[in-house]
Amino acid sequence: MADNFIKQPFGLNIKVPTRTIHQTEKTAQGVVNSLWEPLFNFIDENQNVFTGNIANEIEKYNLMMFNVGAALRKESHGGSFDIKG
């Protein structure tokens, strides 16, 4: 009895056009992509932070600041600067 109940049409028998189904799929994909796309863009833009390269960049900039400060203070470095990094 339950099988017959489930197989019987309910309400109006409306056939949804294929075009509408495809449009609904595109809309759903767009919504899902719009939720995750900013996160993926952030990860792509800040890849150095996640790979550990940012520590090397910070060390390089600290060394550059030290060298510029030393040059401005006119400390003697034997005529050369430390340019590691």
C-alpha atoms as a PDB file:
ATOM      1  CA  MET A   1       0.000   0.000   0.000  1.00  0.00           C
ATOM      2  CA  ALA A   2       2.824   2.413   0.816  1.00  0.00           C
ATOM      3  CA  ASP A   3       4.463   1.677  -2.539  1.00  0.00           C
ATOM      4  CA  ASN A   4       1.334   2.707  -4.415  1.00  0.00           C
ATOM      5  CA  PHE A   5       1.035   5.851  -2.325  1.00  0.00           C
ATOM      6  CA  ILE A   6       4.601   6.933  -3.140  1.00  0.00           C
ATOM      7  CA  LYS A   7       4.226   6.233  -6.867  1.00  0.00           C
ATOM      8  CA  GLN A   8       1.011   8.180  -7.218  1.00  0.00           C
ATOM      9  CA  PRO A   9       1.395  11.726  -8.511  1.00  0.00           C
ATOM     10  CA  PHE A  10       0.816  14.438  -5.970  1.00  0.00           C
ATOM     11  CA  GLY A  11      -0.680  17.778  -6.819  1.00  0.00           C
ATOM     12  CA  LEU A  12      -0.153  19.151 -10.301  1.00  0.00           C
ATOM     13  CA  ASN A  13       1.898  17.103 -12.723  1.00  0.00           C
ATOM     14  CA  ILE A  14       4.183  19.866 -13.970  1.00  0.00           C
ATOM     15  CA  LYS A  15       7.083  18.979 -16.165  1.00  0.00           C
ATOM     16  CA  VAL A  16      10.017  21.284 -15.451  1.00  0.00           C
ATOM     17  CA  PRO A  17      11.832  22.322 -18.643  1.00  0.00           C
ATOM     18  CA  THR A  18      15.409  21.107 -19.015  1.00  0.00           C
ATOM     19  CA  ARG A  19      16.570  24.694 -19.498  1.00  0.00           C
ATOM     20  CA  THR A  20      15.207  25.619 -16.058  1.00  0.00           C
ATOM     21  CA  ILE A  21      17.038  22.706 -14.469  1.00  0.00           C
ATOM     22  CA  HIS A  22      20.304  23.781 -16.128  1.00  0.00           C
ATOM     23  CA  GLN A  23      19.783  27.373 -15.003  1.00  0.00           C
ATOM     24  CA  THR A  24      19.154  26.180 -11.456  1.00  0.00           C
ATOM     25  CA  GLU A  25      22.373  24.128 -11.549  1.00  0.00           C
ATOM     26  CA  LYS A  26      24.363  27.142 -12.781  1.00  0.00           C
ATOM     27  CA  THR A  27      22.846  29.342 -10.082  1.00  0.00           C
ATOM     28  CA  ALA A  28      23.659  26.819  -7.362  1.00  0.00           C
ATOM     29  CA  GLN A  29      27.226  26.453  -8.634  1.00  0.00           C
ATOM     30  CA  GLY A  30      27.589  30.232  -8.709  1.00  0.00           C
ATOM     31  CA  VAL A  31      26.401  30.536  -5.119  1.00  0.00           C
ATOM     32  CA  VAL A  32      28.763  27.840  -3.901  1.00  0.00           C
ATOM     33  CA  ASN A  33      31.698  29.298  -5.851  1.00  0.00           C
ATOM     34  CA  SER A  34      30.998  32.793  -4.565  1.00  0.00           C
ATOM     35  CA  LEU A  35      31.220  31.481  -1.006  1.00  0.00           C
ATOM     36  CA  TRP A  36      34.608  29.755  -1.426  1.00  0.00           C
ATOM     37  CA  GLU A  37      36.294  31.923  -4.082  1.00  0.00           C
ATOM     38  CA  PRO A  38      37.364  34.735  -1.685  1.00  0.00           C
ATOM     39  CA  LEU A  39      39.039  32.178   0.574  1.00  0.00           C
ATOM     40  CA  PHE A  40      40.953  30.610  -2.295  1.00  0.00           C
ATOM     41  CA  ASN A  41      41.969  34.055  -3.596  1.00  0.00           C
ATOM     42  CA  PHE A  42      43.267  34.981  -0.135  1.00  0.00           C
ATOM     43  CA  ILE A  43      45.296  31.785   0.064  1.00  0.00           C
ATOM     44  CA  ASP A  44      46.750  32.373  -3.419  1.00  0.00           C
ATOM     45  CA  GLU A  45      47.689  35.983  -2.643  1.00  0.00           C
ATOM     46  CA  ASN A  46      49.264  35.096   0.704  1.00  0.00           C
ATOM     47  CA  GLN A  47      50.940  31.838  -0.269  1.00  0.00           C
ATOM     48  CA  ASN A  48      54.254  32.971   1.281  1.00  0.00           C
ATOM     49  CA  VAL A  49      52.666  33.027   4.727  1.00  0.00           C
ATOM     50  CA  PHE A  50      51.557  29.422   4.467  1.00  0.00           C
ATOM     51  CA  THR A  51      54.795  28.082   2.953  1.00  0.00           C
ATOM     52  CA  GLY A  52      57.097  29.694   5.537  1.00  0.00           C
ATOM     53  CA  ASN A  53      58.731  32.085   3.063  1.00  0.00           C
ATOM     54  CA  ILE A  54      57.381  35.030   5.030  1.00  0.00           C
ATOM     55  CA  ALA A  55      59.952  34.427   7.791  1.00  0.00           C
ATOM     56  CA  ASN A  56      62.751  34.810   5.241  1.00  0.00           C
ATOM     57  CA  GLU A  57      61.166  37.987   3.882  1.00  0.00           C
ATOM     58  CA  ILE A  58      60.864  39.490   7.381  1.00  0.00           C
ATOM     59  CA  GLU A  59      64.477  38.630   8.131  1.00  0.00           C
ATOM     60  CA  LYS A  60      65.580  40.197   4.839  1.00  0.00           C
ATOM     61  CA  TYR A  61      63.683  43.434   5.558  1.00  0.00           C
ATOM     62  CA  ASN A  62      65.025  43.602   9.121  1.00  0.00           C
ATOM     63  CA  LEU A  63      68.547  43.246   7.747  1.00  0.00           C
ATOM     64  CA  MET A  64      67.890  45.971   5.177  1.00  0.00           C
ATOM     65  CA  MET A  65      66.549  48.290   7.921  1.00  0.00           C
ATOM     66  CA  PHE A  66      69.652  47.644  10.000  1.00  0.00           C
ATOM     67  CA  ASN A  67      71.926  48.415   7.047  1.00  0.00           C
ATOM     68  CA  VAL A  68      70.067  51.613   6.181  1.00  0.00           C
ATOM     69  CA  GLY A  69      70.117  52.712   9.826  1.00  0.00           C
ATOM     70  CA  ALA A  70      73.830  51.988  10.050  1.00  0.00           C
ATOM     71  CA  ALA A  71      74.482  53.988   6.896  1.00  0.00           C
ATOM     72  CA  LEU A  72      72.445  56.904   8.219  1.00  0.00           C
ATOM     73  CA  ARG A  73      74.271  56.827  11.546  1.00  0.00           C
ATOM     74  CA  LYS A  74      77.530  56.678   9.568  1.00  0.00           C
ATOM     75  CA  GLU A  75      78.842  53.771  11.546  1.00  0.00           C
ATOM     76  CA  SER A  76      81.856  52.144  10.029  1.00  0.00           C
ATOM     77  CA  HIS A  77      81.301  48.716   8.528  1.00  0.00           C
ATOM     78  CA  GLY A  78      84.661  48.384   6.857  1.00  0.00           C
ATOM     79  CA  GLY A  79      83.268  49.846   3.653  1.00  0.00           C
ATOM     80  CA  SER A  80      80.712  47.075   3.049  1.00  0.00           C
ATOM     81  CA  PHE A  81      77.260  46.090   4.164  1.00  0.00           C
ATOM     82  CA  ASP A  82      75.854  42.705   5.056  1.00  0.00           C
ATOM     83  CA  ILE A  83      73.524  41.838   2.201  1.00  0.00           C
ATOM     84  CA  LYS A  84      72.396  38.334   3.134  1.00  0.00           C
ATOM     85  CA  GLY A  85      68.930  37.220   2.355  1.00  0.00           C
END
